Amino acid sequence: MKYVSKIAVMLSLGALFASSAAFAAKTEAEAYVEAYKSSPADVPAPLTVVTPRAIVDANEEVRLTFTVNEMGRPTNIAVKSTTNKEIVDSVKDAVARWTFVPAVRDGARVATKVELPVRFMVASN
């Protein structure tokens, strides 16, 4: 009986270490989604995000506006501003594949306008 208890404790500790390693290995996208889990209900919260891929030589930003509809999908994606027109399509395509928990007001899901800055940062050596 004591032997079984020790195995259970060791397995529990192994699971704890494995889960803490998995927690530490979150991608930037997962960390971004996690940061919005406690958002107020009247704000759309991202469920899944797709990271845009672009090659940049300097820090760049694309600022988008769009509506998160009642189903949690981005619609009417438009560019408000950009520092590099060459990366706009990549950013728009990625954000079009995001999903959200839609905003809720008075108990009903509502479409909500969103402004999203997408920043590309070049690491300095």
N, C-alpha and C. Protein backbone atom coordinates (compact mmCIF):
# COMPACT_ATOMS: atom_id res chain seq x y z
N MET A 1 0.83 -1.20 0.00
CA MET A 1 0.00 0.00 0.00
C MET A 1 0.86 1.25 0.00
N LYS A 2 1.92 1.28 0.82
CA LYS A 2 2.79 2.44 0.86
C LYS A 2 3.48 2.63 -0.48
N TYR A 3 3.85 1.53 -1.12
CA TYR A 3 4.53 1.58 -2.41
C TYR A 3 3.64 2.24 -3.46
N VAL A 4 2.38 1.88 -3.50
CA VAL A 4 1.43 2.45 -4.45
C VAL A 4 1.28 3.94 -4.18
N SER A 5 1.21 4.35 -2.94
CA SER A 5 1.08 5.76 -2.60
C SER A 5 2.29 6.55 -3.08
N LYS A 6 3.49 5.98 -2.93
CA LYS A 6 4.69 6.67 -3.39
C LYS A 6 4.68 6.84 -4.89
N ILE A 7 4.24 5.80 -5.61
CA ILE A 7 4.16 5.91 -7.07
C ILE A 7 3.17 6.99 -7.46
N ALA A 8 2.04 7.03 -6.78
CA ALA A 8 1.03 8.04 -7.08
C ALA A 8 1.58 9.44 -6.85
N VAL A 9 2.33 9.62 -5.75
CA VAL A 9 2.92 10.92 -5.46
C VAL A 9 3.96 11.26 -6.53
N MET A 10 4.79 10.29 -6.91
CA MET A 10 5.80 10.54 -7.93
C MET A 10 5.16 10.87 -9.27
N LEU A 11 4.08 10.15 -9.61
CA LEU A 11 3.38 10.45 -10.86
C LEU A 11 2.76 11.84 -10.82
N SER A 12 2.20 12.20 -9.66
CA SER A 12 1.62 13.53 -9.51
C SER A 12 2.67 14.61 -9.67
N LEU A 13 3.84 14.40 -9.04
CA LEU A 13 4.92 15.38 -9.18
C LEU A 13 5.41 15.44 -10.62
N GLY A 14 5.48 14.29 -11.28
CA GLY A 14 5.87 14.27 -12.69
C GLY A 14 4.89 15.04 -13.55
N ALA A 15 3.60 14.86 -13.29
CA ALA A 15 2.58 15.59 -14.03
C ALA A 15 2.69 17.09 -13.76
N LEU A 16 2.98 17.44 -12.51
CA LEU A 16 3.14 18.85 -12.15
C LEU A 16 4.31 19.47 -12.90
N PHE A 17 5.46 18.77 -12.92
CA PHE A 17 6.62 19.30 -13.63
C PHE A 17 6.36 19.35 -15.12
N ALA A 18 5.68 18.35 -15.67
CA ALA A 18 5.39 18.35 -17.11
C ALA A 18 4.46 19.51 -17.45
N SER A 19 3.45 19.74 -16.60
CA SER A 19 2.53 20.84 -16.91
C SER A 19 3.20 22.19 -16.74
N SER A 20 4.11 22.32 -15.77
CA SER A 20 4.79 23.60 -15.61
C SER A 20 5.74 23.84 -16.77
N ALA A 21 6.34 22.79 -17.31
CA ALA A 21 7.20 22.95 -18.49
C ALA A 21 6.36 23.36 -19.69
N ALA A 22 5.18 22.76 -19.82
CA ALA A 22 4.31 23.12 -20.93
C ALA A 22 3.85 24.57 -20.78
N PHE A 23 3.58 24.99 -19.53
CA PHE A 23 3.16 26.36 -19.28
C PHE A 23 4.27 27.33 -19.68
N ALA A 24 5.50 27.00 -19.35
CA ALA A 24 6.62 27.87 -19.65
C ALA A 24 6.90 27.95 -21.15
N ALA A 25 6.47 26.93 -21.90
CA ALA A 25 6.77 26.88 -23.32
C ALA A 25 5.66 27.47 -24.18
N LYS A 26 4.82 28.30 -23.61
CA LYS A 26 3.73 28.92 -24.39
C LYS A 26 4.30 29.77 -25.51
N THR A 27 3.62 29.72 -26.63
CA THR A 27 4.01 30.59 -27.72
C THR A 27 3.51 32.00 -27.42
N GLU A 28 3.98 32.96 -28.19
CA GLU A 28 3.49 34.33 -28.02
C GLU A 28 2.00 34.39 -28.27
N ALA A 29 1.51 33.63 -29.25
CA ALA A 29 0.08 33.63 -29.57
C ALA A 29 -0.72 33.08 -28.39
N GLU A 30 -0.24 32.00 -27.78
CA GLU A 30 -0.94 31.42 -26.63
C GLU A 30 -0.94 32.39 -25.45
N ALA A 31 0.17 33.05 -25.23
CA ALA A 31 0.25 34.03 -24.14
C ALA A 31 -0.70 35.20 -24.40
N TYR A 32 -0.82 35.61 -25.65
CA TYR A 32 -1.72 36.70 -26.02
C TYR A 32 -3.17 36.31 -25.71
N VAL A 33 -3.57 35.11 -26.11
CA VAL A 33 -4.92 34.62 -25.85
C VAL A 33 -5.16 34.53 -24.35
N GLU A 34 -4.19 33.99 -23.62
CA GLU A 34 -4.30 33.83 -22.18
C GLU A 34 -4.52 35.18 -21.48
N ALA A 35 -3.88 36.22 -21.97
CA ALA A 35 -3.99 37.55 -21.36
C ALA A 35 -5.41 38.11 -21.43
N TYR A 36 -6.22 37.62 -22.36
CA TYR A 36 -7.57 38.13 -22.53
C TYR A 36 -8.64 37.29 -21.84
N LYS A 37 -8.24 36.22 -21.15
CA LYS A 37 -9.24 35.32 -20.54
C LYS A 37 -10.10 36.02 -19.50
N SER A 38 -9.61 37.05 -18.87
CA SER A 38 -10.40 37.73 -17.84
C SER A 38 -10.96 39.07 -18.34
N SER A 39 -11.09 39.20 -19.65
CA SER A 39 -11.64 40.44 -20.22
C SER A 39 -13.11 40.60 -19.83
N PRO A 40 -13.56 41.85 -19.75
CA PRO A 40 -14.98 42.07 -19.48
C PRO A 40 -15.82 41.48 -20.62
N ALA A 41 -17.06 41.10 -20.30
CA ALA A 41 -17.93 40.45 -21.28
C ALA A 41 -18.26 41.34 -22.48
N ASP A 42 -18.18 42.67 -22.30
CA ASP A 42 -18.55 43.55 -23.41
C ASP A 42 -17.39 43.84 -24.36
N VAL A 43 -16.30 43.08 -24.21
CA VAL A 43 -15.12 43.21 -25.08
C VAL A 43 -14.86 41.86 -25.74
N PRO A 44 -14.72 41.82 -27.07
CA PRO A 44 -14.39 40.53 -27.70
C PRO A 44 -13.03 40.05 -27.21
N ALA A 45 -12.93 38.77 -26.90
CA ALA A 45 -11.67 38.20 -26.44
C ALA A 45 -11.20 37.15 -27.45
N PRO A 46 -9.94 37.19 -27.85
CA PRO A 46 -9.46 36.22 -28.83
C PRO A 46 -9.45 34.81 -28.25
N LEU A 47 -9.89 33.86 -29.05
CA LEU A 47 -9.84 32.43 -28.70
C LEU A 47 -8.65 31.78 -29.39
N THR A 48 -8.52 32.05 -30.67
CA THR A 48 -7.39 31.53 -31.44
C THR A 48 -6.84 32.67 -32.28
N VAL A 49 -5.53 32.71 -32.39
CA VAL A 49 -4.89 33.72 -33.22
C VAL A 49 -3.92 33.04 -34.17
N VAL A 50 -3.76 33.64 -35.31
CA VAL A 50 -2.79 33.18 -36.30
C VAL A 50 -1.76 34.30 -36.42
N THR A 51 -0.51 33.96 -36.24
CA THR A 51 0.55 34.95 -36.30
C THR A 51 0.89 35.25 -37.75
N PRO A 52 0.85 36.51 -38.15
CA PRO A 52 1.23 36.85 -39.52
C PRO A 52 2.71 36.59 -39.75
N ARG A 53 3.03 36.21 -40.94
CA ARG A 53 4.44 35.97 -41.29
C ARG A 53 4.88 37.02 -42.30
N ALA A 54 5.96 37.68 -41.97
CA ALA A 54 6.50 38.70 -42.87
C ALA A 54 7.97 38.88 -42.56
N ILE A 55 8.71 39.24 -43.56
CA ILE A 55 10.12 39.55 -43.38
C ILE A 55 10.24 41.06 -43.30
N VAL A 56 10.78 41.53 -42.18
CA VAL A 56 10.92 42.98 -42.00
C VAL A 56 12.36 43.29 -41.58
N ASP A 57 12.82 44.45 -41.99
CA ASP A 57 14.17 44.90 -41.66
C ASP A 57 14.18 45.91 -40.52
N ALA A 58 13.00 46.38 -40.15
CA ALA A 58 12.89 47.40 -39.10
C ALA A 58 11.60 47.12 -38.34
N ASN A 59 11.41 47.78 -37.21
CA ASN A 59 10.16 47.65 -36.48
C ASN A 59 9.04 48.18 -37.37
N GLU A 60 7.99 47.39 -37.50
CA GLU A 60 6.88 47.76 -38.39
C GLU A 60 5.56 47.59 -37.64
N GLU A 61 4.54 48.29 -38.10
CA GLU A 61 3.21 48.16 -37.51
C GLU A 61 2.15 48.28 -38.58
N VAL A 62 1.14 47.43 -38.46
CA VAL A 62 -0.07 47.55 -39.27
C VAL A 62 -1.21 47.69 -38.27
N ARG A 63 -1.96 48.77 -38.37
CA ARG A 63 -3.09 49.00 -37.47
C ARG A 63 -4.36 48.70 -38.26
N LEU A 64 -5.10 47.68 -37.80
CA LEU A 64 -6.33 47.26 -38.47
C LEU A 64 -7.55 47.70 -37.69
N THR A 65 -8.64 47.88 -38.40
CA THR A 65 -9.95 48.01 -37.77
C THR A 65 -10.81 46.91 -38.37
N PHE A 66 -11.66 46.33 -37.56
CA PHE A 66 -12.58 45.31 -38.04
C PHE A 66 -13.70 45.14 -37.04
N THR A 67 -14.69 44.38 -37.42
CA THR A 67 -15.81 44.08 -36.54
C THR A 67 -15.74 42.61 -36.17
N VAL A 68 -15.88 42.32 -34.89
CA VAL A 68 -16.04 40.94 -34.45
C VAL A 68 -17.55 40.72 -34.41
N ASN A 69 -18.03 39.82 -35.29
CA ASN A 69 -19.48 39.63 -35.38
C ASN A 69 -20.00 38.77 -34.22
N GLU A 70 -21.29 38.53 -34.22
CA GLU A 70 -21.94 37.79 -33.13
C GLU A 70 -21.45 36.35 -33.04
N MET A 71 -20.85 35.83 -34.09
CA MET A 71 -20.34 34.46 -34.10
C MET A 71 -18.86 34.42 -33.71
N GLY A 72 -18.24 35.59 -33.47
CA GLY A 72 -16.85 35.64 -33.05
C GLY A 72 -15.85 35.66 -34.20
N ARG A 73 -16.31 36.01 -35.38
CA ARG A 73 -15.44 36.05 -36.56
C ARG A 73 -15.16 37.51 -36.93
N PRO A 74 -13.92 37.83 -37.32
CA PRO A 74 -13.61 39.19 -37.78
C PRO A 74 -14.18 39.43 -39.18
N THR A 75 -14.82 40.56 -39.35
CA THR A 75 -15.39 40.94 -40.65
C THR A 75 -14.99 42.38 -40.95
N ASN A 76 -15.13 42.78 -42.20
CA ASN A 76 -14.85 44.15 -42.62
C ASN A 76 -13.46 44.62 -42.18
N ILE A 77 -12.46 43.80 -42.42
CA ILE A 77 -11.09 44.13 -42.01
C ILE A 77 -10.55 45.23 -42.93
N ALA A 78 -10.09 46.30 -42.31
CA ALA A 78 -9.54 47.43 -43.07
C ALA A 78 -8.26 47.91 -42.41
N VAL A 79 -7.40 48.50 -43.20
CA VAL A 79 -6.14 49.03 -42.69
C VAL A 79 -6.36 50.49 -42.30
N LYS A 80 -6.09 50.79 -41.05
CA LYS A 80 -6.18 52.18 -40.58
C LYS A 80 -4.87 52.90 -40.87
N SER A 81 -3.73 52.20 -40.62
CA SER A 81 -2.43 52.78 -40.92
C SER A 81 -1.40 51.66 -41.00
N THR A 82 -0.29 51.96 -41.65
CA THR A 82 0.80 50.99 -41.73
C THR A 82 2.12 51.71 -41.97
N THR A 83 3.16 51.08 -41.50
CA THR A 83 4.51 51.59 -41.76
C THR A 83 5.14 50.86 -42.94
N ASN A 84 4.46 49.81 -43.44
CA ASN A 84 5.01 49.01 -44.53
C ASN A 84 3.87 48.34 -45.29
N LYS A 85 3.56 48.86 -46.46
CA LYS A 85 2.45 48.32 -47.25
C LYS A 85 2.69 46.89 -47.71
N GLU A 86 3.94 46.46 -47.76
CA GLU A 86 4.26 45.11 -48.25
C GLU A 86 3.82 44.01 -47.29
N ILE A 87 3.60 44.31 -46.02
CA ILE A 87 3.19 43.28 -45.06
C ILE A 87 1.70 43.28 -44.76
N VAL A 88 0.96 44.21 -45.34
CA VAL A 88 -0.47 44.37 -45.05
C VAL A 88 -1.25 43.10 -45.38
N ASP A 89 -1.05 42.52 -46.55
CA ASP A 89 -1.83 41.34 -46.93
C ASP A 89 -1.60 40.17 -45.97
N SER A 90 -0.37 39.98 -45.55
CA SER A 90 -0.06 38.91 -44.60
C SER A 90 -0.80 39.11 -43.28
N VAL A 91 -0.81 40.34 -42.80
CA VAL A 91 -1.48 40.65 -41.54
C VAL A 91 -2.99 40.48 -41.68
N LYS A 92 -3.57 40.99 -42.73
CA LYS A 92 -5.02 40.86 -42.94
C LYS A 92 -5.42 39.40 -43.07
N ASP A 93 -4.65 38.62 -43.82
CA ASP A 93 -4.96 37.19 -43.99
C ASP A 93 -4.91 36.45 -42.66
N ALA A 94 -3.91 36.75 -41.85
CA ALA A 94 -3.79 36.09 -40.54
C ALA A 94 -4.95 36.46 -39.63
N VAL A 95 -5.25 37.73 -39.51
CA VAL A 95 -6.32 38.18 -38.61
C VAL A 95 -7.69 37.67 -39.07
N ALA A 96 -7.87 37.50 -40.36
CA ALA A 96 -9.13 36.97 -40.87
C ALA A 96 -9.40 35.55 -40.36
N ARG A 97 -8.36 34.85 -39.93
CA ARG A 97 -8.51 33.48 -39.43
C ARG A 97 -8.61 33.41 -37.91
N TRP A 98 -8.56 34.55 -37.23
CA TRP A 98 -8.71 34.56 -35.78
C TRP A 98 -10.15 34.20 -35.42
N THR A 99 -10.33 33.71 -34.19
CA THR A 99 -11.68 33.54 -33.65
C THR A 99 -11.74 34.24 -32.29
N PHE A 100 -12.92 34.69 -31.94
CA PHE A 100 -13.11 35.46 -30.71
C PHE A 100 -14.31 34.92 -29.93
N VAL A 101 -14.29 35.18 -28.64
CA VAL A 101 -15.50 35.10 -27.84
C VAL A 101 -16.16 36.44 -28.09
N PRO A 102 -17.34 36.46 -28.70
CA PRO A 102 -17.95 37.75 -29.01
C PRO A 102 -18.34 38.53 -27.75
N ALA A 103 -18.46 39.83 -27.92
CA ALA A 103 -18.91 40.67 -26.81
C ALA A 103 -20.36 40.35 -26.49
N VAL A 104 -20.70 40.51 -25.21
CA VAL A 104 -22.07 40.26 -24.75
C VAL A 104 -22.56 41.50 -24.03
N ARG A 105 -23.74 41.96 -24.44
CA ARG A 105 -24.39 43.10 -23.77
C ARG A 105 -25.84 42.73 -23.52
N ASP A 106 -26.30 42.96 -22.32
CA ASP A 106 -27.66 42.62 -21.92
C ASP A 106 -28.00 41.17 -22.23
N GLY A 107 -27.01 40.28 -22.06
CA GLY A 107 -27.21 38.86 -22.24
C GLY A 107 -27.18 38.37 -23.67
N ALA A 108 -26.94 39.26 -24.62
CA ALA A 108 -26.94 38.85 -26.04
C ALA A 108 -25.59 39.14 -26.67
N ARG A 109 -25.17 38.28 -27.56
CA ARG A 109 -23.93 38.52 -28.32
C ARG A 109 -24.15 39.70 -29.25
N VAL A 110 -23.13 40.55 -29.34
CA VAL A 110 -23.25 41.73 -30.20
C VAL A 110 -21.99 41.90 -31.04
N ALA A 111 -22.16 42.43 -32.23
CA ALA A 111 -21.01 42.77 -33.07
C ALA A 111 -20.32 43.97 -32.45
N THR A 112 -18.99 43.96 -32.49
CA THR A 112 -18.22 45.02 -31.85
C THR A 112 -17.06 45.43 -32.73
N LYS A 113 -16.87 46.73 -32.89
CA LYS A 113 -15.76 47.27 -33.66
C LYS A 113 -14.47 47.17 -32.84
N VAL A 114 -13.40 46.78 -33.51
CA VAL A 114 -12.11 46.58 -32.85
C VAL A 114 -11.03 47.31 -33.63
N GLU A 115 -10.06 47.86 -32.92
CA GLU A 115 -8.85 48.40 -33.53
C GLU A 115 -7.69 47.59 -32.98
N LEU A 116 -6.89 47.05 -33.88
CA LEU A 116 -5.82 46.14 -33.47
C LEU A 116 -4.49 46.57 -34.09
N PRO A 117 -3.51 46.93 -33.26
CA PRO A 117 -2.17 47.17 -33.79
C PRO A 117 -1.41 45.84 -33.85
N VAL A 118 -0.82 45.54 -34.98
CA VAL A 118 0.01 44.34 -35.12
C VAL A 118 1.43 44.85 -35.33
N ARG A 119 2.29 44.52 -34.38
CA ARG A 119 3.66 45.04 -34.43
C ARG A 119 4.66 43.94 -34.72
N PHE A 120 5.60 44.23 -35.59
CA PHE A 120 6.74 43.36 -35.88
C PHE A 120 7.95 44.03 -35.27
N MET A 121 8.62 43.33 -34.39
CA MET A 121 9.78 43.91 -33.73
C MET A 121 11.04 43.18 -34.20
N VAL A 122 12.01 43.93 -34.62
CA VAL A 122 13.30 43.37 -35.03
C VAL A 122 14.18 43.30 -33.80
N ALA A 123 14.68 42.11 -33.53
CA ALA A 123 15.56 41.94 -32.37
C ALA A 123 16.88 42.64 -32.61
N SER A 124 17.34 43.36 -31.57
CA SER A 124 18.65 44.01 -31.70
C SER A 124 19.72 43.08 -31.14
N ASN A 125 20.85 43.09 -31.76
CA ASN A 125 21.96 42.23 -31.33
C ASN A 125 22.87 42.90 -30.35
